[in-house]
Amino acid sequence: MEDETGRLHDEAGKFTQSVSDEEIIDFIDDQNGVATAEVADQFDYKRPSAYRRLKSLEDDGRVVSREIGNSLLWELADE
């Protein structure tokens, strides 16, 4: 179900992600690395939400970030 803001919720009313981690990982892989803004644009997120998703993936060891100028570049973690 969607609420009035377009966020998805399960039947118990808990917020669910509309984009899976795998979709984000595939996008990063296809692009050979992306900026936070590119993820936000691709998946219709606000930039802080995109950053939180990417940071969560980094905390899980799935992606790594590196600073380029004033931006972060997100790439797949070496496996």
Protein backbone atom coordinates (compact mmCIF):
# COMPACT_ATOMS: atom_id res chain seq x y z
CA MET A 1 0.00 0.00 0.00
CA GLU A 2 1.12 3.56 -0.62
CA ASP A 3 0.54 6.40 1.81
CA GLU A 4 -0.23 9.97 0.77
CA THR A 5 3.48 10.65 0.21
CA GLY A 6 3.91 7.64 -2.08
CA ARG A 7 5.88 5.60 0.46
CA LEU A 8 5.14 1.89 0.47
CA HIS A 9 3.87 0.12 3.58
CA ASP A 10 3.12 -3.52 4.28
CA GLU A 11 -0.25 -4.66 5.60
CA ALA A 12 0.85 -3.97 9.19
CA GLY A 13 1.62 -0.37 8.22
CA LYS A 14 5.41 -0.69 8.41
CA PHE A 15 7.39 1.30 5.85
CA THR A 16 9.02 -0.85 3.16
CA GLN A 17 11.69 0.11 0.66
CA SER A 18 10.36 0.56 -2.86
CA VAL A 19 13.79 -0.24 -4.31
CA SER A 20 15.72 -3.36 -3.32
CA ASP A 21 19.37 -3.31 -2.32
CA GLU A 22 20.07 -5.49 -5.35
CA GLU A 23 18.61 -2.87 -7.71
CA ILE A 24 20.92 -0.25 -6.23
CA ILE A 25 23.91 -2.61 -6.38
CA ASP A 26 23.11 -3.45 -10.03
CA PHE A 27 22.90 0.26 -10.88
CA ILE A 28 26.26 0.95 -9.24
CA ASP A 29 27.78 -2.01 -11.08
CA ASP A 30 26.31 -0.97 -14.44
CA GLN A 31 27.64 2.57 -14.03
CA ASN A 32 31.06 1.52 -12.65
CA GLY A 33 30.48 3.77 -9.65
CA VAL A 34 28.00 6.55 -8.96
CA ALA A 35 27.56 9.74 -7.00
CA THR A 36 24.87 9.99 -4.33
CA ALA A 37 22.92 12.39 -6.56
CA GLU A 38 22.86 9.84 -9.39
CA VAL A 39 21.29 7.23 -7.11
CA ALA A 40 18.79 9.82 -5.90
CA ASP A 41 17.85 10.72 -9.48
CA GLN A 42 17.70 7.11 -10.70
CA PHE A 43 15.42 5.88 -7.91
CA ASP A 44 13.47 9.09 -7.24
CA TYR A 45 14.92 9.56 -3.76
CA LYS A 46 15.77 12.76 -2.00
CA ARG A 47 19.57 12.99 -1.66
CA PRO A 48 19.62 12.40 2.13
CA SER A 49 17.56 9.21 1.64
CA ALA A 50 19.90 8.01 -1.12
CA TYR A 51 22.88 8.70 1.14
CA ARG A 52 21.33 6.71 4.00
CA ARG A 53 20.66 3.73 1.70
CA LEU A 54 24.20 3.85 0.33
CA LYS A 55 25.70 4.25 3.80
CA SER A 56 23.71 1.21 4.95
CA LEU A 57 25.10 -0.79 2.03
CA GLU A 58 28.58 0.42 2.96
CA ASP A 59 28.05 -0.62 6.59
CA ASP A 60 27.05 -4.07 5.29
CA GLY A 61 30.30 -4.25 3.30
CA ARG A 62 28.58 -4.26 -0.10
CA VAL A 63 29.78 -0.87 -1.38
CA VAL A 64 32.61 1.51 -0.57
CA SER A 65 32.79 5.26 -0.88
CA ARG A 66 35.63 7.59 -1.67
CA GLU A 67 35.69 11.34 -1.73
CA ILE A 68 36.23 13.06 -5.04
CA GLY A 69 36.26 16.82 -4.62
CA ASN A 70 33.19 17.60 -2.54
CA SER A 71 31.29 14.47 -3.58
CA LEU A 72 31.26 10.80 -2.68
CA LEU A 73 31.74 8.16 -5.32
CA TRP A 74 30.12 4.83 -4.45
CA GLU A 75 31.56 1.64 -5.91
CA LEU A 76 31.09 -2.06 -5.31
CA ALA A 77 33.18 -3.45 -2.49
CA ASP A 78 35.88 -5.94 -3.43
CA GLU A 79 34.63 -9.40 -2.70
